[in-house]
PDB file of N, CA and C in Angstrom:
ATOM      1  N   UNK A   1      25.705  42.194 -13.197  1.00  0.00           N
ATOM      2  CA  UNK A   1      25.921  41.049 -12.812  1.00  0.00           C
ATOM      3  C   UNK A   1      27.218  40.563 -12.116  1.00  0.00           C
ATOM      4  N   UNK A   2      27.321  40.246 -10.832  1.00  0.00           N
ATOM      5  CA  UNK A   2      28.418  40.064 -10.308  1.00  0.00           C
ATOM      6  C   UNK A   2      28.977  38.471 -10.670  1.00  0.00           C
ATOM      7  N   UNK A   3      29.793  38.267  -9.980  1.00  0.00           N
ATOM      8  CA  UNK A   3      30.777  36.859 -10.342  1.00  0.00           C
ATOM      9  C   UNK A   3      29.699  35.746 -10.086  1.00  0.00           C
ATOM     10  N   UNK A   4      28.846  35.996  -9.081  1.00  0.00           N
ATOM     11  CA  UNK A   4      28.374  34.808  -8.721  1.00  0.00           C
ATOM     12  C   UNK A   4      26.463  34.579  -9.014  1.00  0.00           C
ATOM     13  N   UNK A   5      25.915  35.758  -9.333  1.00  0.00           N
ATOM     14  CA  UNK A   5      24.686  35.802  -9.664  1.00  0.00           C
ATOM     15  C   UNK A   5      24.408  36.413 -10.920  1.00  0.00           C
ATOM     16  N   UNK A   6      23.265  36.386 -11.494  1.00  0.00           N
ATOM     17  CA  UNK A   6      22.778  37.012 -12.972  1.00  0.00           C
ATOM     18  C   UNK A   6      21.815  38.098 -12.165  1.00  0.00           C
ATOM     19  N   UNK A   7      21.806  39.310 -12.896  1.00  0.00           N
ATOM     20  CA  UNK A   7      20.797  40.228 -12.377  1.00  0.00           C
ATOM     21  C   UNK A   7      19.373  40.148 -13.021  1.00  0.00           C
ATOM     22  N   UNK A   8      19.263  39.349 -13.738  1.00  0.00           N
ATOM     23  CA  UNK A   8      18.064  38.962 -14.501  1.00  0.00           C
ATOM     24  C   UNK A   8      17.864  39.719 -15.665  1.00  0.00           C
ATOM     25  N   UNK A   9      16.938  39.185 -16.549  1.00  0.00           N
ATOM     26  CA  UNK A   9      16.597  39.788 -17.977  1.00  0.00           C
ATOM     27  C   UNK A   9      16.185  41.249 -17.832  1.00  0.00           C
ATOM     28  N   UNK A  10      15.351  41.753 -17.020  1.00  0.00           N
ATOM     29  CA  UNK A  10      14.894  43.120 -16.877  1.00  0.00           C
ATOM     30  C   UNK A  10      15.777  44.182 -16.550  1.00  0.00           C
ATOM     31  N   UNK A  11      16.981  43.743 -15.640  1.00  0.00           N
ATOM     32  CA  UNK A  11      17.953  44.403 -15.366  1.00  0.00           C
ATOM     33  C   UNK A  11      19.386  44.248 -16.046  1.00  0.00           C
ATOM     34  N   UNK A  12      19.181  43.362 -17.073  1.00  0.00           N
ATOM     35  CA  UNK A  12      20.532  42.979 -17.810  1.00  0.00           C
ATOM     36  C   UNK A  12      20.911  44.601 -18.505  1.00  0.00           C
ATOM     37  N   UNK A  13      21.982  44.547 -18.686  1.00  0.00           N
ATOM     38  CA  UNK A  13      22.580  45.868 -19.300  1.00  0.00           C
ATOM     39  C   UNK A  13      21.861  46.165 -20.672  1.00  0.00           C
ATOM     40  N   UNK A  14      21.673  45.068 -21.388  1.00  0.00           N
ATOM     41  CA  UNK A  14      21.096  45.420 -22.638  1.00  0.00           C
ATOM     42  C   UNK A  14      19.888  44.468 -23.001  1.00  0.00           C
ATOM     43  N   UNK A  15      19.957  43.244 -22.388  1.00  0.00           N
ATOM     44  CA  UNK A  15      18.773  42.307 -22.537  1.00  0.00           C
ATOM     45  C   UNK A  15      19.172  41.082 -23.283  1.00  0.00           C
ATOM     46  N   UNK A  16      20.038  41.457 -24.457  1.00  0.00           N
ATOM     47  CA  UNK A  16      20.175  40.615 -25.489  1.00  0.00           C
ATOM     48  C   UNK A  16      21.718  40.226 -25.432  1.00  0.00           C
ATOM     49  N   UNK A  17      21.928  39.861 -24.224  1.00  0.00           N
ATOM     50  CA  UNK A  17      23.202  38.977 -23.725  1.00  0.00           C
ATOM     51  C   UNK A  17      23.022  37.464 -23.904  1.00  0.00           C
ATOM     52  N   UNK A  18      24.282  36.683 -23.559  1.00  0.00           N
ATOM     53  CA  UNK A  18      23.991  35.343 -24.070  1.00  0.00           C
ATOM     54  C   UNK A  18      22.952  34.779 -22.680  1.00  0.00           C
ATOM     55  N   UNK A  19      23.150  35.380 -21.518  1.00  0.00           N
ATOM     56  CA  UNK A  19      22.317  35.006 -20.372  1.00  0.00           C
ATOM     57  C   UNK A  19      20.878  35.618 -20.572  1.00  0.00           C
ATOM     58  N   UNK A  20      20.700  36.517 -21.231  1.00  0.00           N
ATOM     59  CA  UNK A  20      19.357  37.324 -21.722  1.00  0.00           C
ATOM     60  C   UNK A  20      18.536  36.297 -22.569  1.00  0.00           C
ATOM     61  N   UNK A  21      19.400  35.852 -23.613  1.00  0.00           N
ATOM     62  CA  UNK A  21      18.843  34.830 -24.557  1.00  0.00           C
ATOM     63  C   UNK A  21      18.393  33.578 -24.023  1.00  0.00           C
ATOM     64  N   UNK A  22      19.085  33.154 -23.223  1.00  0.00           N
ATOM     65  CA  UNK A  22      18.679  31.832 -22.256  1.00  0.00           C
ATOM     66  C   UNK A  22      17.486  32.178 -21.691  1.00  0.00           C
ATOM     67  N   UNK A  23      17.188  33.118 -21.105  1.00  0.00           N
ATOM     68  CA  UNK A  23      15.887  33.453 -20.525  1.00  0.00           C
ATOM     69  C   UNK A  23      15.027  33.714 -21.306  1.00  0.00           C
ATOM     70  N   UNK A  24      15.364  34.325 -22.472  1.00  0.00           N
ATOM     71  CA  UNK A  24      14.234  34.273 -23.577  1.00  0.00           C
ATOM     72  C   UNK A  24      13.706  33.030 -24.120  1.00  0.00           C
ATOM     73  N   UNK A  25      14.868  32.072 -24.350  1.00  0.00           N
ATOM     74  CA  UNK A  25      14.494  31.025 -24.890  1.00  0.00           C
ATOM     75  C   UNK A  25      13.922  29.814 -23.639  1.00  0.00           C
ATOM     76  N   UNK A  26      14.196  30.421 -22.528  1.00  0.00           N
ATOM     77  CA  UNK A  26      13.570  29.554 -21.449  1.00  0.00           C
ATOM     78  C   UNK A  26      12.176  29.753 -21.518  1.00  0.00           C
ATOM     79  N   UNK A  27      11.559  30.874 -21.676  1.00  0.00           N
ATOM     80  CA  UNK A  27      10.489  31.494 -21.969  1.00  0.00           C
ATOM     81  C   UNK A  27       9.491  30.639 -23.184  1.00  0.00           C
ATOM     82  N   UNK A  28      10.482  30.680 -24.419  1.00  0.00           N
ATOM     83  CA  UNK A  28      10.045  30.165 -25.348  1.00  0.00           C
ATOM     84  C   UNK A  28       9.585  28.639 -25.254  1.00  0.00           C
ATOM     85  N   UNK A  29      10.398  27.978 -24.789  1.00  0.00           N
ATOM     86  CA  UNK A  29      10.232  26.558 -24.501  1.00  0.00           C
ATOM     87  C   UNK A  29       9.406  26.117 -23.378  1.00  0.00           C
ATOM     88  N   UNK A  30       8.803  27.182 -22.631  1.00  0.00           N
ATOM     89  CA  UNK A  30       8.203  26.687 -21.333  1.00  0.00           C
ATOM     90  C   UNK A  30       8.739  26.089 -20.357  1.00  0.00           C
ATOM     91  N   UNK A  31      10.403  26.537 -20.274  1.00  0.00           N
ATOM     92  CA  UNK A  31      11.051  26.042 -19.331  1.00  0.00           C
ATOM     93  C   UNK A  31      11.097  26.753 -17.922  1.00  0.00           C
ATOM     94  N   UNK A  32      10.698  27.884 -18.143  1.00  0.00           N
ATOM     95  CA  UNK A  32      10.353  28.896 -16.727  1.00  0.00           C
ATOM     96  C   UNK A  32       9.272  29.603 -17.361  1.00  0.00           C
ATOM     97  N   UNK A  33       8.371  30.233 -16.408  1.00  0.00           N
ATOM     98  CA  UNK A  33       7.423  30.950 -16.595  1.00  0.00           C
ATOM     99  C   UNK A  33       7.709  32.481 -17.272  1.00  0.00           C
ATOM    100  N   UNK A  34       7.107  33.307 -17.895  1.00  0.00           N
ATOM    101  CA  UNK A  34       7.434  34.467 -18.308  1.00  0.00           C
ATOM    102  C   UNK A  34       7.513  35.468 -17.096  1.00  0.00           C
ATOM    103  N   UNK A  35       6.999  35.222 -15.838  1.00  0.00           N
ATOM    104  CA  UNK A  35       7.192  36.023 -14.718  1.00  0.00           C
ATOM    105  C   UNK A  35       8.696  35.844 -13.980  1.00  0.00           C
ATOM    106  N   UNK A  36       9.269  34.786 -14.575  1.00  0.00           N
ATOM    107  CA  UNK A  36      10.675  34.675 -13.940  1.00  0.00           C
ATOM    108  C   UNK A  36      11.682  35.325 -14.794  1.00  0.00           C
ATOM    109  N   UNK A  37      12.316  36.153 -14.468  1.00  0.00           N
ATOM    110  CA  UNK A  37      13.428  36.898 -15.265  1.00  0.00           C
ATOM    111  C   UNK A  37      14.968  36.405 -14.917  1.00  0.00           C
ATOM    112  N   UNK A  38      14.764  35.399 -13.929  1.00  0.00           N
ATOM    113  CA  UNK A  38      16.130  34.681 -13.547  1.00  0.00           C
ATOM    114  C   UNK A  38      16.987  35.667 -12.658  1.00  0.00           C
ATOM    115  N   UNK A  39      16.380  36.752 -12.021  1.00  0.00           N
ATOM    116  CA  UNK A  39      17.414  37.823 -11.063  1.00  0.00           C
ATOM    117  C   UNK A  39      17.469  37.052  -9.948  1.00  0.00           C
ATOM    118  N   UNK A  40      18.718  37.026  -9.678  1.00  0.00           N
ATOM    119  CA  UNK A  40      19.486  36.541  -8.354  1.00  0.00           C
ATOM    120  C   UNK A  40      19.746  34.992  -8.587  1.00  0.00           C
ATOM    121  N   UNK A  41      19.552  34.568  -9.797  1.00  0.00           N
ATOM    122  CA  UNK A  41      19.992  33.097  -9.881  1.00  0.00           C
ATOM    123  C   UNK A  41      21.698  33.125  -9.729  1.00  0.00           C
ATOM    124  N   UNK A  42      21.928  31.881  -9.319  1.00  0.00           N
ATOM    125  CA  UNK A  42      23.357  31.491  -9.336  1.00  0.00           C
ATOM    126  C   UNK A  42      23.932  31.193 -10.672  1.00  0.00           C
ATOM    127  N   UNK A  43      25.185  31.448 -11.041  1.00  0.00           N
ATOM    128  CA  UNK A  43      25.326  31.144 -12.277  1.00  0.00           C
ATOM    129  C   UNK A  43      25.306  29.641 -12.754  1.00  0.00           C
ATOM    130  N   UNK A  44      25.613  28.629 -11.741  1.00  0.00           N
ATOM    131  CA  UNK A  44      25.267  27.217 -11.856  1.00  0.00           C
ATOM    132  C   UNK A  44      23.848  27.016 -12.094  1.00  0.00           C
ATOM    133  N   UNK A  45      23.011  27.625 -11.620  1.00  0.00           N
ATOM    134  CA  UNK A  45      21.484  27.543 -12.080  1.00  0.00           C
ATOM    135  C   UNK A  45      21.121  27.755 -13.529  1.00  0.00           C
ATOM    136  N   UNK A  46      21.781  28.939 -13.848  1.00  0.00           N
ATOM    137  CA  UNK A  46      21.606  29.548 -15.112  1.00  0.00           C
ATOM    138  C   UNK A  46      22.232  28.514 -16.293  1.00  0.00           C
ATOM    139  N   UNK A  47      23.385  27.870 -15.859  1.00  0.00           N
ATOM    140  CA  UNK A  47      24.254  26.824 -16.570  1.00  0.00           C
ATOM    141  C   UNK A  47      23.125  25.628 -16.791  1.00  0.00           C
ATOM    142  N   UNK A  48      22.461  25.392 -15.660  1.00  0.00           N
ATOM    143  CA  UNK A  48      21.404  24.234 -16.127  1.00  0.00           C
ATOM    144  C   UNK A  48      20.277  24.741 -17.019  1.00  0.00           C
ATOM    145  N   UNK A  49      19.881  25.907 -16.897  1.00  0.00           N
ATOM    146  CA  UNK A  49      18.829  26.424 -17.545  1.00  0.00           C
ATOM    147  C   UNK A  49      19.302  26.428 -19.029  1.00  0.00           C
ATOM    148  N   UNK A  50      20.576  26.787 -19.478  1.00  0.00           N
ATOM    149  CA  UNK A  50      21.204  27.083 -20.556  1.00  0.00           C
ATOM    150  C   UNK A  50      21.341  25.637 -21.309  1.00  0.00           C
ATOM    151  N   UNK A  51      21.632  24.324 -20.557  1.00  0.00           N
ATOM    152  CA  UNK A  51      21.749  23.081 -21.027  1.00  0.00           C
ATOM    153  C   UNK A  51      20.210  22.604 -21.469  1.00  0.00           C
ATOM    154  N   UNK A  52      19.181  22.910 -20.681  1.00  0.00           N
ATOM    155  CA  UNK A  52      17.774  22.611 -20.989  1.00  0.00           C
ATOM    156  C   UNK A  52      17.283  23.380 -22.281  1.00  0.00           C
ATOM    157  N   UNK A  53      17.992  24.442 -22.388  1.00  0.00           N
ATOM    158  CA  UNK A  53      17.442  25.428 -23.715  1.00  0.00           C
ATOM    159  C   UNK A  53      18.095  24.947 -24.977  1.00  0.00           C
ATOM    160  N   UNK A  54      19.364  24.377 -24.809  1.00  0.00           N
ATOM    161  CA  UNK A  54      20.402  23.881 -25.986  1.00  0.00           C
ATOM    162  C   UNK A  54      19.630  22.453 -26.105  1.00  0.00           C
ATOM    163  N   UNK A  55      18.991  21.613 -25.345  1.00  0.00           N
ATOM    164  CA  UNK A  55      18.523  20.544 -25.619  1.00  0.00           C
ATOM    165  C   UNK A  55      17.349  20.766 -26.357  1.00  0.00           C
ATOM    166  N   UNK A  56      16.499  21.617 -25.928  1.00  0.00           N
ATOM    167  CA  UNK A  56      15.285  21.982 -26.555  1.00  0.00           C
ATOM    168  C   UNK A  56      15.548  22.554 -28.054  1.00  0.00           C
ATOM    169  N   UNK A  57      16.483  23.324 -28.382  1.00  0.00           N
ATOM    170  CA  UNK A  57      16.916  23.835 -29.545  1.00  0.00           C
ATOM    171  C   UNK A  57      17.318  22.807 -30.436  1.00  0.00           C
ATOM    172  N   UNK A  58      18.062  21.869 -29.810  1.00  0.00           N
ATOM    173  CA  UNK A  58      18.633  20.753 -30.495  1.00  0.00           C
ATOM    174  C   UNK A  58      17.487  19.858 -31.576  1.00  0.00           C
ATOM    175  N   UNK A  59      16.452  19.848 -30.856  1.00  0.00           N
ATOM    176  CA  UNK A  59      15.223  19.170 -31.666  1.00  0.00           C
ATOM    177  C   UNK A  59      14.795  20.077 -32.950  1.00  0.00           C
ATOM    178  N   UNK A  60      15.267  21.208 -33.214  1.00  0.00           N
ATOM    179  CA  UNK A  60      14.996  21.959 -34.136  1.00  0.00           C
ATOM    180  C   UNK A  60      16.232  22.463 -35.049  1.00  0.00           C
ATOM    181  N   UNK A  61      17.190  21.641 -34.862  1.00  0.00           N
ATOM    182  CA  UNK A  61      18.277  22.015 -35.362  1.00  0.00           C
ATOM    183  C   UNK A  61      19.025  23.596 -35.076  1.00  0.00           C
ATOM    184  N   UNK A  62      18.712  24.082 -34.140  1.00  0.00           N
ATOM    185  CA  UNK A  62      18.995  25.300 -33.361  1.00  0.00           C
ATOM    186  C   UNK A  62      18.623  26.583 -34.520  1.00  0.00           C
ATOM    187  N   UNK A  63      17.647  26.520 -35.490  1.00  0.00           N
ATOM    188  CA  UNK A  63      17.208  27.220 -36.132  1.00  0.00           C
ATOM    189  C   UNK A  63      15.619  27.723 -36.044  1.00  0.00           C
ATOM    190  N   UNK A  64      15.492  28.887 -35.780  1.00  0.00           N
ATOM    191  CA  UNK A  64      14.056  29.460 -35.576  1.00  0.00           C
ATOM    192  C   UNK A  64      13.033  29.150 -36.790  1.00  0.00           C
ATOM    193  N   UNK A  65      13.521  29.119 -37.717  1.00  0.00           N
ATOM    194  CA  UNK A  65      12.930  28.754 -39.036  1.00  0.00           C
ATOM    195  C   UNK A  65      12.205  27.263 -39.202  1.00  0.00           C
ATOM    196  N   UNK A  66      13.105  26.476 -38.158  1.00  0.00           N
ATOM    197  CA  UNK A  66      12.486  24.795 -38.158  1.00  0.00           C
ATOM    198  C   UNK A  66      11.713  24.698 -37.093  1.00  0.00           C
ATOM    199  N   UNK A  67      11.346  25.740 -36.190  1.00  0.00           N
ATOM    200  CA  UNK A  67      10.263  25.683 -35.238  1.00  0.00           C
ATOM    201  C   UNK A  67       9.095  25.420 -35.799  1.00  0.00           C
ATOM    202  N   UNK A  68       7.849  24.934 -35.103  1.00  0.00           N
ATOM    203  CA  UNK A  68       6.730  24.590 -35.690  1.00  0.00           C
ATOM    204  C   UNK A  68       6.031  26.013 -35.519  1.00  0.00           C
ATOM    205  N   UNK A  69       5.032  26.312 -36.593  1.00  0.00           N
ATOM    206  CA  UNK A  69       4.477  27.714 -36.461  1.00  0.00           C
ATOM    207  C   UNK A  69       4.183  28.513 -35.301  1.00  0.00           C
ATOM    208  N   UNK A  70       3.341  27.701 -34.190  1.00  0.00           N
ATOM    209  CA  UNK A  70       3.050  28.499 -32.895  1.00  0.00           C
ATOM    210  C   UNK A  70       4.563  28.817 -31.981  1.00  0.00           C
ATOM    211  N   UNK A  71       5.596  27.934 -32.049  1.00  0.00           N
ATOM    212  CA  UNK A  71       6.845  28.225 -31.630  1.00  0.00           C
ATOM    213  C   UNK A  71       7.549  29.322 -32.585  1.00  0.00           C
ATOM    214  N   UNK A  72       7.441  29.496 -33.454  1.00  0.00           N
ATOM    215  CA  UNK A  72       8.204  30.238 -34.363  1.00  0.00           C
ATOM    216  C   UNK A  72       7.502  31.728 -34.026  1.00  0.00           C
ATOM    217  N   UNK A  73       6.173  31.594 -34.125  1.00  0.00           N
ATOM    218  CA  UNK A  73       5.788  33.088 -33.828  1.00  0.00           C
ATOM    219  C   UNK A  73       5.637  33.797 -32.487  1.00  0.00           C
ATOM    220  N   UNK A  74       5.912  32.796 -31.323  1.00  0.00           N
ATOM    221  CA  UNK A  74       6.233  33.144 -30.028  1.00  0.00           C
ATOM    222  C   UNK A  74       7.675  33.525 -30.044  1.00  0.00           C
ATOM    223  N   UNK A  75       8.462  33.000 -30.672  1.00  0.00           N
ATOM    224  CA  UNK A  75       9.963  33.278 -31.185  1.00  0.00           C
ATOM    225  C   UNK A  75      10.291  34.849 -31.404  1.00  0.00           C
ATOM    226  N   UNK A  76       9.569  34.878 -32.523  1.00  0.00           N
ATOM    227  CA  UNK A  76       9.387  36.139 -33.023  1.00  0.00           C
ATOM    228  C   UNK A  76       8.802  37.180 -32.296  1.00  0.00           C
ATOM    229  N   UNK A  77       7.652  37.083 -31.452  1.00  0.00           N
ATOM    230  CA  UNK A  77       7.255  38.015 -30.539  1.00  0.00           C
ATOM    231  C   UNK A  77       8.042  38.417 -29.221  1.00  0.00           C
ATOM    232  N   UNK A  78       8.840  37.212 -28.679  1.00  0.00           N
ATOM    233  CA  UNK A  78       9.615  37.340 -27.679  1.00  0.00           C
ATOM    234  C   UNK A  78      10.921  38.247 -28.123  1.00  0.00           C
ATOM    235  N   UNK A  79      11.478  37.889 -29.165  1.00  0.00           N
ATOM    236  CA  UNK A  79      12.705  38.440 -29.602  1.00  0.00           C
ATOM    237  C   UNK A  79      12.402  39.889 -30.163  1.00  0.00           C
ATOM    238  N   UNK A  80      11.209  40.028 -30.702  1.00  0.00           N
ATOM    239  CA  UNK A  80      10.982  41.642 -31.401  1.00  0.00           C
ATOM    240  C   UNK A  80      10.550  42.455 -29.844  1.00  0.00           C
ATOM    241  N   UNK A  81       9.997  41.937 -28.973  1.00  0.00           N
ATOM    242  CA  UNK A  81       9.813  42.798 -27.719  1.00  0.00           C
ATOM    243  C   UNK A  81      11.197  42.894 -26.934  1.00  0.00           C
ATOM    244  N   UNK A  82      12.056  41.888 -27.028  1.00  0.00           N
ATOM    245  CA  UNK A  82      13.411  42.174 -26.247  1.00  0.00           C
ATOM    246  C   UNK A  82      14.286  43.167 -26.876  1.00  0.00           C
ATOM    247  N   UNK A  83      14.146  42.808 -28.297  1.00  0.00           N
ATOM    248  CA  UNK A  83      15.041  43.877 -29.123  1.00  0.00           C
ATOM    249  C   UNK A  83      14.621  45.273 -28.885  1.00  0.00           C
ATOM    250  N   UNK A  84      13.290  45.609 -29.035  1.00  0.00           N
ATOM    251  CA  UNK A  84      13.034  46.903 -28.969  1.00  0.00           C
ATOM    252  C   UNK A  84      13.447  47.536 -27.284  1.00  0.00           C
ATOM    253  N   UNK A  85      13.356  46.726 -26.478  1.00  0.00           N
ATOM    254  CA  UNK A  85      13.683  47.039 -25.338  1.00  0.00           C
ATOM    255  C   UNK A  85      14.974  47.362 -24.948  1.00  0.00           C
ATOM    256  N   UNK A  86      15.943  46.580 -25.790  1.00  0.00           N
ATOM    257  CA  UNK A  86      17.391  46.518 -25.644  1.00  0.00           C
ATOM    258  C   UNK A  86      17.514  47.979 -26.392  1.00  0.00           C
ATOM    259  N   UNK A  87      17.106  48.090 -27.577  1.00  0.00           N
ATOM    260  CA  UNK A  87      17.218  49.214 -28.209  1.00  0.00           C
ATOM    261  C   UNK A  87      17.075  50.688 -27.553  1.00  0.00           C
ATOM    262  N   UNK A  88      16.008  50.580 -26.451  1.00  0.00           N
ATOM    263  CA  UNK A  88      15.897  51.951 -25.704  1.00  0.00           C
ATOM    264  C   UNK A  88      16.962  51.878 -24.564  1.00  0.00           C
ATOM    265  N   UNK A  89      17.528  50.777 -24.149  1.00  0.00           N
ATOM    266  CA  UNK A  89      18.606  50.752 -23.217  1.00  0.00           C
ATOM    267  C   UNK A  89      20.173  51.225 -24.013  1.00  0.00           C
ATOM    268  N   UNK A  90      19.955  51.498 -25.204  1.00  0.00           N
ATOM    269  CA  UNK A  90      21.166  51.853 -26.052  1.00  0.00           C
ATOM    270  C   UNK A  90      21.869  50.722 -26.739  1.00  0.00           C
ATOM    271  N   UNK A  91      21.184  49.401 -27.139  1.00  0.00           N
ATOM    272  CA  UNK A  91      21.575  48.380 -27.555  1.00  0.00           C
ATOM    273  C   UNK A  91      21.925  48.703 -29.332  1.00  0.00           C
ATOM    274  N   UNK A  92      22.862  48.515 -29.673  1.00  0.00           N
ATOM    275  CA  UNK A  92      23.222  48.578 -31.216  1.00  0.00           C
ATOM    276  C   UNK A  92      23.758  47.407 -31.775  1.00  0.00           C
ATOM    277  N   UNK A  93      22.650  46.615 -32.639  1.00  0.00           N
ATOM    278  CA  UNK A  93      23.409  45.264 -33.206  1.00  0.00           C
ATOM    279  C   UNK A  93      24.246  45.329 -34.205  1.00  0.00           C
ATOM    280  N   UNK A  94      24.647  46.583 -34.505  1.00  0.00           N
ATOM    281  CA  UNK A  94      25.721  46.758 -35.557  1.00  0.00           C
ATOM    282  C   UNK A  94      26.913  47.112 -34.884  1.00  0.00           C
ATOM    283  N   UNK A  95      28.073  46.186 -35.274  1.00  0.00           N
ATOM    284  CA  UNK A  95      29.360  46.451 -34.661  1.00  0.00           C
ATOM    285  C   UNK A  95      30.175  47.518 -35.473  1.00  0.00           C
ATOM    286  N   UNK A  96      30.918  48.330 -34.880  1.00  0.00           N
ATOM    287  CA  UNK A  96      31.658  49.411 -35.492  1.00  0.00           C
ATOM    288  C   UNK A  96      32.887  48.717 -36.326  1.00  0.00           C
ATOM    289  N   UNK A  97      33.481  49.635 -36.803  1.00  0.00           N
ATOM    290  CA  UNK A  97      34.961  49.230 -37.320  1.00  0.00           C
ATOM    291  C   UNK A  97      35.934  48.724 -36.364  1.00  0.00           C
ATOM    292  N   UNK A  98      35.642  49.173 -35.126  1.00  0.00           N
ATOM    293  CA  UNK A  98      36.754  48.877 -34.079  1.00  0.00           C
ATOM    294  C   UNK A  98      36.059  47.984 -32.955  1.00  0.00           C
ATOM    295  N   UNK A  99      35.197  47.193 -33.495  1.00  0.00           N
ATOM    296  CA  UNK A  99      34.673  46.021 -32.499  1.00  0.00           C
ATOM    297  C   UNK A  99      34.993  44.785 -33.036  1.00  0.00           C
TER     298      UNK A  99
END
């Protein structure tokens, strides 16, 4: 990502970055279609999506466990797929002692 635009979820270094999660949650709540990975979006546009995602999560106390069953299942599927793809790219969710 340069300072002005987001590279997109599919080109994100790991995919499980803050902006990557915004894209996943945008899909989850139907704010953007799953064909849109936000590649080339200006940071201001990403900020707008982030605010929409935050408002959507506020309805559920920001907890996946409080999502209604269909959304909870969708959340699990989206994040399971993204996590698997990120691991292929070398992402490790465990922090080392020096991190």
